[in-house]
């Protein structure tokens, strides 16, 4: 800047570092979710569910990575203690009141465990009371979880009597884009639980995929058939005990064996 240019600047002008305006504004949904997580307390003791040894959990003893001596415990979050913080306590109270008013089971009978982890709430629901809880979560004015965003399956072979889990991801549009999860467990020998299609019709295809991949049987589903695999496909491919498979792949001068003949990692 020349001396003449400097003289053109008013003496009372305020100068300072240039501050760039924000390039992106947070959406109303993001702001609501951040506000909803304020004050949430994660008060739980972690639960040891497994011990992993060896590189990537190698199970055949043929690991050549040099990390075969690794020993890693696997922890899951345990039962949360009240107050949960944020709006979680009010939700639990509203659900308990609705269950009592409608002649349903006690909250402690319907909800077997409450987990607060990473600012998120998960209610473990007894499968016998899943429909009653789902109906109230959708219809009660104080709750109003109108949308089931998806149904996921999980297989934990080490959880004897609770090996198969169905996880429901719920969203309340009415009450500020709040989100919770419901989780229902079943034993491998009796993988039955009620379908929630009568409550959230959009769960139809998610339940079919969970049946296809994990073998959970959703009683009352209008047409529980496979959605990804052929109808005559044996087994459920995303279970942890499902055998690896494949076909030999030939390259020039080399052959890649099927997956079940390579190293086995869990």
C-alpha atoms as a PDB file:
ATOM      1  CA  UNK A   1       0.000   0.000   0.000  1.00  0.00           C
ATOM      2  CA  UNK A   2       1.410   3.409  -1.015  1.00  0.00           C
ATOM      3  CA  UNK A   3       1.621   6.439   1.273  1.00  0.00           C
ATOM      4  CA  UNK A   4      -1.135   8.132  -0.740  1.00  0.00           C
ATOM      5  CA  UNK A   5      -3.409   5.109  -0.225  1.00  0.00           C
ATOM      6  CA  UNK A   6      -2.727   5.165   3.518  1.00  0.00           C
ATOM      7  CA  UNK A   7      -3.738   8.818   3.664  1.00  0.00           C
ATOM      8  CA  UNK A   8      -7.107   7.931   2.110  1.00  0.00           C
ATOM      9  CA  UNK A   9      -8.036   5.684   5.097  1.00  0.00           C
ATOM     10  CA  UNK A  10     -10.194   7.565   7.659  1.00  0.00           C
ATOM     11  CA  UNK A  11      -8.393   8.077  10.957  1.00  0.00           C
ATOM     12  CA  UNK A  12     -11.291   6.628  12.930  1.00  0.00           C
ATOM     13  CA  UNK A  13     -11.461   3.449  10.826  1.00  0.00           C
ATOM     14  CA  UNK A  14     -11.268   0.210  12.838  1.00  0.00           C
ATOM     15  CA  UNK A  15      -8.745  -2.220  11.471  1.00  0.00           C
ATOM     16  CA  UNK A  16      -7.930  -5.740  12.538  1.00  0.00           C
ATOM     17  CA  UNK A  17      -7.590  -9.290  11.327  1.00  0.00           C
ATOM     18  CA  UNK A  18      -9.968 -10.357   8.588  1.00  0.00           C
ATOM     19  CA  UNK A  19     -12.480 -12.935   9.846  1.00  0.00           C
ATOM     20  CA  UNK A  20     -13.906 -15.206   7.193  1.00  0.00           C
ATOM     21  CA  UNK A  21     -17.658 -15.765   7.454  1.00  0.00           C
ATOM     22  CA  UNK A  22     -18.701 -19.358   8.170  1.00  0.00           C
ATOM     23  CA  UNK A  23     -19.058 -21.328   4.961  1.00  0.00           C
ATOM     24  CA  UNK A  24     -21.737 -23.717   6.255  1.00  0.00           C
ATOM     25  CA  UNK A  25     -24.575 -23.219   8.690  1.00  0.00           C
ATOM     26  CA  UNK A  26     -25.716 -26.090  10.824  1.00  0.00           C
ATOM     27  CA  UNK A  27     -29.161 -27.362   9.970  1.00  0.00           C
ATOM     28  CA  UNK A  28     -32.082 -27.030  12.358  1.00  0.00           C
ATOM     29  CA  UNK A  29     -31.931 -30.799  12.869  1.00  0.00           C
ATOM     30  CA  UNK A  30     -28.235 -30.686  13.869  1.00  0.00           C
ATOM     31  CA  UNK A  31     -28.835 -27.791  16.258  1.00  0.00           C
ATOM     32  CA  UNK A  32     -31.805 -29.583  17.836  1.00  0.00           C
ATOM     33  CA  UNK A  33     -29.812 -32.776  18.294  1.00  0.00           C
ATOM     34  CA  UNK A  34     -26.883 -30.914  19.880  1.00  0.00           C
ATOM     35  CA  UNK A  35     -29.272 -29.145  22.247  1.00  0.00           C
ATOM     36  CA  UNK A  36     -30.937 -32.449  23.098  1.00  0.00           C
ATOM     37  CA  UNK A  37     -27.612 -34.049  24.043  1.00  0.00           C
ATOM     38  CA  UNK A  38     -26.722 -31.283  26.477  1.00  0.00           C
ATOM     39  CA  UNK A  39     -26.522 -32.531  30.044  1.00  0.00           C
ATOM     40  CA  UNK A  40     -26.509 -36.232  29.162  1.00  0.00           C
ATOM     41  CA  UNK A  41     -24.563 -38.318  31.674  1.00  0.00           C
ATOM     42  CA  UNK A  42     -22.956 -41.633  30.807  1.00  0.00           C
ATOM     43  CA  UNK A  43     -23.011 -43.449  34.143  1.00  0.00           C
ATOM     44  CA  UNK A  44     -22.482 -47.132  33.546  1.00  0.00           C
ATOM     45  CA  UNK A  45     -19.926 -49.812  34.259  1.00  0.00           C
ATOM     46  CA  UNK A  46     -18.597 -51.492  31.108  1.00  0.00           C
ATOM     47  CA  UNK A  47     -19.327 -55.197  30.743  1.00  0.00           C
ATOM     48  CA  UNK A  48     -16.631 -57.588  29.527  1.00  0.00           C
ATOM     49  CA  UNK A  49     -18.169 -59.684  26.736  1.00  0.00           C
ATOM     50  CA  UNK A  50     -15.167 -61.314  25.054  1.00  0.00           C
ATOM     51  CA  UNK A  51     -11.384 -61.644  24.933  1.00  0.00           C
ATOM     52  CA  UNK A  52      -9.697 -61.412  21.553  1.00  0.00           C
ATOM     53  CA  UNK A  53      -6.251 -62.883  21.103  1.00  0.00           C
ATOM     54  CA  UNK A  54      -3.959 -62.844  18.117  1.00  0.00           C
ATOM     55  CA  UNK A  55      -3.938 -60.517  15.143  1.00  0.00           C
ATOM     56  CA  UNK A  56      -7.532 -59.757  14.074  1.00  0.00           C
ATOM     57  CA  UNK A  57      -8.728 -62.688  16.177  1.00  0.00           C
ATOM     58  CA  UNK A  58      -7.061 -65.347  14.019  1.00  0.00           C
ATOM     59  CA  UNK A  59      -8.676 -68.639  14.975  1.00  0.00           C
ATOM     60  CA  UNK A  60      -6.651 -71.285  13.102  1.00  0.00           C
ATOM     61  CA  UNK A  61      -3.197 -70.505  14.461  1.00  0.00           C
ATOM     62  CA  UNK A  62      -1.866 -69.718  10.979  1.00  0.00           C
ATOM     63  CA  UNK A  63      -1.310 -65.992  11.490  1.00  0.00           C
ATOM     64  CA  UNK A  64       2.007 -64.836  10.031  1.00  0.00           C
ATOM     65  CA  UNK A  65       1.668 -61.121  10.774  1.00  0.00           C
ATOM     66  CA  UNK A  66       3.948 -61.102  13.803  1.00  0.00           C
ATOM     67  CA  UNK A  67       1.140 -59.866  16.068  1.00  0.00           C
ATOM     68  CA  UNK A  68      -0.079 -63.238  17.258  1.00  0.00           C
ATOM     69  CA  UNK A  69       0.509 -62.306  20.898  1.00  0.00           C
ATOM     70  CA  UNK A  70      -2.069 -59.507  21.015  1.00  0.00           C
ATOM     71  CA  UNK A  71      -4.642 -59.827  23.798  1.00  0.00           C
ATOM     72  CA  UNK A  72      -7.588 -57.404  23.736  1.00  0.00           C
ATOM     73  CA  UNK A  73     -10.685 -57.421  25.955  1.00  0.00           C
ATOM     74  CA  UNK A  74     -13.998 -56.386  24.369  1.00  0.00           C
ATOM     75  CA  UNK A  75     -16.309 -54.248  26.523  1.00  0.00           C
ATOM     76  CA  UNK A  76     -19.924 -53.216  26.008  1.00  0.00           C
ATOM     77  CA  UNK A  77     -21.655 -50.408  27.940  1.00  0.00           C
ATOM     78  CA  UNK A  78     -23.673 -51.667  30.886  1.00  0.00           C
ATOM     79  CA  UNK A  79     -26.869 -50.564  32.597  1.00  0.00           C
ATOM     80  CA  UNK A  80     -27.106 -46.777  32.909  1.00  0.00           C
ATOM     81  CA  UNK A  81     -27.982 -45.206  36.253  1.00  0.00           C
ATOM     82  CA  UNK A  82     -30.436 -42.357  36.707  1.00  0.00           C
ATOM     83  CA  UNK A  83     -30.383 -39.501  36.162  1.00  0.00           C
ATOM     84  CA  UNK A  84     -29.547 -40.245  32.535  1.00  0.00           C
ATOM     85  CA  UNK A  85     -29.384 -36.523  31.750  1.00  0.00           C
ATOM     86  CA  UNK A  86     -30.833 -34.389  28.999  1.00  0.00           C
ATOM     87  CA  UNK A  87     -34.313 -35.416  27.868  1.00  0.00           C
ATOM     88  CA  UNK A  88     -33.726 -39.132  28.462  1.00  0.00           C
ATOM     89  CA  UNK A  89     -35.199 -39.100  31.992  1.00  0.00           C
ATOM     90  CA  UNK A  90     -38.365 -37.381  30.799  1.00  0.00           C
ATOM     91  CA  UNK A  91     -38.772 -39.927  28.017  1.00  0.00           C
ATOM     92  CA  UNK A  92     -38.429 -42.815  30.470  1.00  0.00           C
ATOM     93  CA  UNK A  93     -40.981 -41.193  32.797  1.00  0.00           C
ATOM     94  CA  UNK A  94     -43.422 -40.517  29.944  1.00  0.00           C
ATOM     95  CA  UNK A  95     -43.160 -44.094  28.699  1.00  0.00           C
ATOM     96  CA  UNK A  96     -43.621 -45.498  32.217  1.00  0.00           C
ATOM     97  CA  UNK A  97     -46.711 -43.323  32.755  1.00  0.00           C
ATOM     98  CA  UNK A  98     -48.193 -44.364  29.405  1.00  0.00           C
ATOM     99  CA  UNK A  99     -47.636 -48.057  30.144  1.00  0.00           C
ATOM    100  CA  UNK A 100     -49.358 -47.702  33.511  1.00  0.00           C
ATOM    101  CA  UNK A 101     -52.270 -45.659  32.126  1.00  0.00           C
ATOM    102  CA  UNK A 102     -52.980 -48.138  29.317  1.00  0.00           C
ATOM    103  CA  UNK A 103     -52.840 -51.195  31.556  1.00  0.00           C
ATOM    104  CA  UNK A 104     -49.562 -52.403  30.125  1.00  0.00           C
ATOM    105  CA  UNK A 105     -46.596 -53.931  31.933  1.00  0.00           C
ATOM    106  CA  UNK A 106     -44.477 -51.982  34.393  1.00  0.00           C
ATOM    107  CA  UNK A 107     -41.591 -50.071  32.860  1.00  0.00           C
ATOM    108  CA  UNK A 108     -39.094 -52.365  34.597  1.00  0.00           C
ATOM    109  CA  UNK A 109     -40.868 -55.406  33.142  1.00  0.00           C
ATOM    110  CA  UNK A 110     -41.072 -54.065  29.590  1.00  0.00           C
ATOM    111  CA  UNK A 111     -37.641 -52.395  29.490  1.00  0.00           C
ATOM    112  CA  UNK A 112     -35.021 -54.803  30.778  1.00  0.00           C
ATOM    113  CA  UNK A 113     -32.029 -52.481  30.401  1.00  0.00           C
ATOM    114  CA  UNK A 114     -31.313 -48.824  29.630  1.00  0.00           C
ATOM    115  CA  UNK A 115     -28.000 -47.928  28.000  1.00  0.00           C
ATOM    116  CA  UNK A 116     -26.671 -44.393  27.562  1.00  0.00           C
ATOM    117  CA  UNK A 117     -23.504 -44.421  25.502  1.00  0.00           C
ATOM    118  CA  UNK A 118     -21.878 -41.723  23.365  1.00  0.00           C
ATOM    119  CA  UNK A 119     -24.816 -39.427  23.961  1.00  0.00           C
ATOM    120  CA  UNK A 120     -27.352 -41.946  22.640  1.00  0.00           C
ATOM    121  CA  UNK A 121     -30.183 -43.803  24.372  1.00  0.00           C
ATOM    122  CA  UNK A 122     -30.970 -47.491  23.838  1.00  0.00           C
ATOM    123  CA  UNK A 123     -33.902 -49.257  25.505  1.00  0.00           C
ATOM    124  CA  UNK A 124     -33.625 -53.037  25.692  1.00  0.00           C
ATOM    125  CA  UNK A 125     -37.216 -54.263  25.414  1.00  0.00           C
ATOM    126  CA  UNK A 126     -38.576 -57.680  26.363  1.00  0.00           C
ATOM    127  CA  UNK A 127     -39.826 -59.232  23.139  1.00  0.00           C
ATOM    128  CA  UNK A 128     -43.178 -60.089  24.748  1.00  0.00           C
ATOM    129  CA  UNK A 129     -43.839 -56.359  25.227  1.00  0.00           C
ATOM    130  CA  UNK A 130     -42.273 -54.982  22.041  1.00  0.00           C
ATOM    131  CA  UNK A 131     -45.555 -54.115  20.317  1.00  0.00           C
ATOM    132  CA  UNK A 132     -47.000 -52.375  23.373  1.00  0.00           C
ATOM    133  CA  UNK A 133     -43.867 -50.241  23.768  1.00  0.00           C
ATOM    134  CA  UNK A 134     -43.668 -49.497  20.037  1.00  0.00           C
ATOM    135  CA  UNK A 135     -47.315 -48.419  19.873  1.00  0.00           C
ATOM    136  CA  UNK A 136     -46.900 -45.993  22.765  1.00  0.00           C
ATOM    137  CA  UNK A 137     -43.648 -44.578  21.424  1.00  0.00           C
ATOM    138  CA  UNK A 138     -45.426 -43.796  18.169  1.00  0.00           C
ATOM    139  CA  UNK A 139     -48.787 -42.529  19.458  1.00  0.00           C
ATOM    140  CA  UNK A 140     -48.177 -40.766  22.792  1.00  0.00           C
ATOM    141  CA  UNK A 141     -48.083 -36.991  22.299  1.00  0.00           C
ATOM    142  CA  UNK A 142     -45.102 -36.634  24.635  1.00  0.00           C
ATOM    143  CA  UNK A 143     -43.155 -39.279  22.686  1.00  0.00           C
ATOM    144  CA  UNK A 144     -44.283 -39.335  19.041  1.00  0.00           C
ATOM    145  CA  UNK A 145     -41.551 -41.412  17.421  1.00  0.00           C
ATOM    146  CA  UNK A 146     -43.373 -41.489  14.105  1.00  0.00           C
ATOM    147  CA  UNK A 147     -40.617 -43.056  12.042  1.00  0.00           C
ATOM    148  CA  UNK A 148     -38.698 -46.306  12.224  1.00  0.00           C
ATOM    149  CA  UNK A 149     -35.596 -45.506  10.201  1.00  0.00           C
ATOM    150  CA  UNK A 150     -34.383 -49.092  10.009  1.00  0.00           C
ATOM    151  CA  UNK A 151     -34.138 -52.518  11.623  1.00  0.00           C
ATOM    152  CA  UNK A 152     -30.683 -54.047  12.087  1.00  0.00           C
ATOM    153  CA  UNK A 153     -29.635 -57.531  13.059  1.00  0.00           C
ATOM    154  CA  UNK A 154     -26.599 -58.413  15.183  1.00  0.00           C
ATOM    155  CA  UNK A 155     -25.202 -61.808  16.161  1.00  0.00           C
ATOM    156  CA  UNK A 156     -23.289 -62.195  19.436  1.00  0.00           C
ATOM    157  CA  UNK A 157     -22.445 -65.923  19.753  1.00  0.00           C
ATOM    158  CA  UNK A 158     -20.874 -65.366  23.184  1.00  0.00           C
ATOM    159  CA  UNK A 159     -24.138 -64.063  24.739  1.00  0.00           C
ATOM    160  CA  UNK A 160     -25.684 -67.367  25.743  1.00  0.00           C
ATOM    161  CA  UNK A 161     -29.470 -67.155  25.535  1.00  0.00           C
ATOM    162  CA  UNK A 162     -29.320 -63.711  23.881  1.00  0.00           C
ATOM    163  CA  UNK A 163     -27.305 -64.432  20.764  1.00  0.00           C
ATOM    164  CA  UNK A 164     -29.512 -62.641  18.226  1.00  0.00           C
ATOM    165  CA  UNK A 165     -30.374 -58.942  18.500  1.00  0.00           C
ATOM    166  CA  UNK A 166     -32.864 -56.850  16.519  1.00  0.00           C
ATOM    167  CA  UNK A 167     -32.188 -53.106  16.727  1.00  0.00           C
ATOM    168  CA  UNK A 168     -34.818 -50.493  15.812  1.00  0.00           C
ATOM    169  CA  UNK A 169     -33.720 -46.934  15.011  1.00  0.00           C
ATOM    170  CA  UNK A 170     -36.516 -44.460  15.804  1.00  0.00           C
ATOM    171  CA  UNK A 171     -36.963 -40.775  14.940  1.00  0.00           C
ATOM    172  CA  UNK A 172     -39.405 -38.209  16.345  1.00  0.00           C
ATOM    173  CA  UNK A 173     -40.068 -35.429  13.860  1.00  0.00           C
ATOM    174  CA  UNK A 174     -42.690 -33.797  16.078  1.00  0.00           C
ATOM    175  CA  UNK A 175     -40.406 -33.472  19.088  1.00  0.00           C
ATOM    176  CA  UNK A 176     -37.292 -31.901  17.623  1.00  0.00           C
ATOM    177  CA  UNK A 177     -35.715 -34.727  15.604  1.00  0.00           C
ATOM    178  CA  UNK A 178     -34.987 -36.803  18.690  1.00  0.00           C
ATOM    179  CA  UNK A 179     -33.621 -40.281  18.125  1.00  0.00           C
ATOM    180  CA  UNK A 180     -33.563 -43.437  20.241  1.00  0.00           C
ATOM    181  CA  UNK A 181     -32.949 -47.128  19.699  1.00  0.00           C
ATOM    182  CA  UNK A 182     -34.920 -50.164  20.791  1.00  0.00           C
ATOM    183  CA  UNK A 183     -33.063 -53.453  21.085  1.00  0.00           C
ATOM    184  CA  UNK A 184     -34.651 -56.885  21.435  1.00  0.00           C
ATOM    185  CA  UNK A 185     -32.728 -60.115  22.045  1.00  0.00           C
ATOM    186  CA  UNK A 186     -33.627 -63.739  21.340  1.00  0.00           C
ATOM    187  CA  UNK A 187     -31.827 -67.063  21.750  1.00  0.00           C
ATOM    188  CA  UNK A 188     -30.590 -68.829  18.621  1.00  0.00           C
ATOM    189  CA  UNK A 189     -32.867 -71.750  19.404  1.00  0.00           C
ATOM    190  CA  UNK A 190     -35.989 -69.556  19.494  1.00  0.00           C
ATOM    191  CA  UNK A 191     -35.407 -66.570  17.185  1.00  0.00           C
ATOM    192  CA  UNK A 192     -39.018 -65.351  17.263  1.00  0.00           C
ATOM    193  CA  UNK A 193     -40.210 -61.804  18.003  1.00  0.00           C
ATOM    194  CA  UNK A 194     -43.216 -59.704  16.948  1.00  0.00           C
ATOM    195  CA  UNK A 195     -43.191 -57.781  13.684  1.00  0.00           C
ATOM    196  CA  UNK A 196     -43.593 -54.010  14.048  1.00  0.00           C
ATOM    197  CA  UNK A 197     -44.993 -53.548  10.530  1.00  0.00           C
ATOM    198  CA  UNK A 198     -48.432 -52.863  12.035  1.00  0.00           C
ATOM    199  CA  UNK A 199     -46.898 -49.887  13.883  1.00  0.00           C
ATOM    200  CA  UNK A 200     -44.320 -48.706  11.325  1.00  0.00           C
ATOM    201  CA  UNK A 201     -45.229 -50.069   7.866  1.00  0.00           C
ATOM    202  CA  UNK A 202     -41.854 -49.009   6.471  1.00  0.00           C
ATOM    203  CA  UNK A 203     -40.179 -51.676   8.627  1.00  0.00           C
ATOM    204  CA  UNK A 204     -41.508 -54.312   6.196  1.00  0.00           C
ATOM    205  CA  UNK A 205     -38.393 -54.499   4.003  1.00  0.00           C
ATOM    206  CA  UNK A 206     -35.969 -54.029   6.908  1.00  0.00           C
ATOM    207  CA  UNK A 207     -37.455 -57.004   8.754  1.00  0.00           C
ATOM    208  CA  UNK A 208     -37.213 -59.103   5.597  1.00  0.00           C
ATOM    209  CA  UNK A 209     -33.520 -58.260   5.258  1.00  0.00           C
ATOM    210  CA  UNK A 210     -32.890 -59.013   8.934  1.00  0.00           C
ATOM    211  CA  UNK A 211     -34.615 -62.383   8.515  1.00  0.00           C
ATOM    212  CA  UNK A 212     -32.606 -63.059   5.343  1.00  0.00           C
ATOM    213  CA  UNK A 213     -29.212 -62.200   6.843  1.00  0.00           C
ATOM    214  CA  UNK A 214     -29.650 -63.278  10.497  1.00  0.00           C
ATOM    215  CA  UNK A 215     -32.613 -65.671  10.686  1.00  0.00           C
ATOM    216  CA  UNK A 216     -34.754 -63.615  13.071  1.00  0.00           C
ATOM    217  CA  UNK A 217     -38.396 -64.612  12.576  1.00  0.00           C
ATOM    218  CA  UNK A 218     -40.766 -61.641  12.799  1.00  0.00           C
ATOM    219  CA  UNK A 219     -44.143 -63.073  13.779  1.00  0.00           C
ATOM    220  CA  UNK A 220     -47.074 -61.358  12.067  1.00  0.00           C
ATOM    221  CA  UNK A 221     -45.048 -60.008   9.156  1.00  0.00           C
ATOM    222  CA  UNK A 222     -47.260 -59.895   6.032  1.00  0.00           C
ATOM    223  CA  UNK A 223     -44.739 -61.710   3.806  1.00  0.00           C
ATOM    224  CA  UNK A 224     -41.506 -62.721   5.528  1.00  0.00           C
ATOM    225  CA  UNK A 225     -39.456 -63.884   2.548  1.00  0.00           C
ATOM    226  CA  UNK A 226     -35.840 -63.394   1.564  1.00  0.00           C
ATOM    227  CA  UNK A 227     -35.015 -60.034   0.012  1.00  0.00           C
ATOM    228  CA  UNK A 228     -31.344 -60.392  -1.024  1.00  0.00           C
ATOM    229  CA  UNK A 229     -30.557 -64.102  -1.271  1.00  0.00           C
ATOM    230  CA  UNK A 230     -32.380 -66.690  -3.427  1.00  0.00           C
ATOM    231  CA  UNK A 231     -35.385 -68.294  -1.736  1.00  0.00           C
ATOM    232  CA  UNK A 232     -33.625 -71.666  -1.493  1.00  0.00           C
ATOM    233  CA  UNK A 233     -30.388 -70.253  -0.037  1.00  0.00           C
ATOM    234  CA  UNK A 234     -29.212 -72.300   2.978  1.00  0.00           C
ATOM    235  CA  UNK A 235     -28.562 -70.410   6.208  1.00  0.00           C
ATOM    236  CA  UNK A 236     -28.189 -66.729   7.027  1.00  0.00           C
ATOM    237  CA  UNK A 237     -24.947 -65.181   5.729  1.00  0.00           C
ATOM    238  CA  UNK A 238     -24.295 -62.459   8.325  1.00  0.00           C
ATOM    239  CA  UNK A 239     -24.266 -64.724  11.348  1.00  0.00           C
ATOM    240  CA  UNK A 240     -20.829 -65.024  12.895  1.00  0.00           C
ATOM    241  CA  UNK A 241     -20.915 -68.825  12.610  1.00  0.00           C
ATOM    242  CA  UNK A 242     -21.824 -68.820   8.919  1.00  0.00           C
ATOM    243  CA  UNK A 243     -19.008 -70.589   7.017  1.00  0.00           C
ATOM    244  CA  UNK A 244     -16.881 -68.591   4.620  1.00  0.00           C
ATOM    245  CA  UNK A 245     -17.242 -69.702   1.031  1.00  0.00           C
ATOM    246  CA  UNK A 246     -16.049 -68.891  -2.434  1.00  0.00           C
ATOM    247  CA  UNK A 247     -14.763 -70.286  -5.688  1.00  0.00           C
ATOM    248  CA  UNK A 248     -11.161 -70.652  -6.874  1.00  0.00           C
ATOM    249  CA  UNK A 249      -9.948 -67.649  -8.891  1.00  0.00           C
ATOM    250  CA  UNK A 250      -7.229 -68.321 -11.457  1.00  0.00           C
ATOM    251  CA  UNK A 251      -4.602 -65.800 -12.501  1.00  0.00           C
ATOM    252  CA  UNK A 252      -1.637 -66.232 -14.809  1.00  0.00           C
ATOM    253  CA  UNK A 253       0.725 -68.493 -12.953  1.00  0.00           C
ATOM    254  CA  UNK A 254      -1.218 -68.433  -9.667  1.00  0.00           C
ATOM    255  CA  UNK A 255      -4.483 -69.522  -8.097  1.00  0.00           C
ATOM    256  CA  UNK A 256      -6.313 -67.742  -5.270  1.00  0.00           C
ATOM    257  CA  UNK A 257      -8.096 -70.365  -3.134  1.00  0.00           C
ATOM    258  CA  UNK A 258     -11.658 -69.962  -1.824  1.00  0.00           C
ATOM    259  CA  UNK A 259     -12.072 -67.858   1.303  1.00  0.00           C
ATOM    260  CA  UNK A 260     -12.667 -70.878   3.536  1.00  0.00           C
ATOM    261  CA  UNK A 261      -9.234 -72.244   2.582  1.00  0.00           C
ATOM    262  CA  UNK A 262      -7.333 -69.068   3.430  1.00  0.00           C
ATOM    263  CA  UNK A 263      -6.447 -67.667   6.847  1.00  0.00           C
ATOM    264  CA  UNK A 264      -9.416 -67.556   9.181  1.00  0.00           C
ATOM    265  CA  UNK A 265     -10.075 -64.302  11.029  1.00  0.00           C
ATOM    266  CA  UNK A 266     -13.020 -63.515  13.266  1.00  0.00           C
END
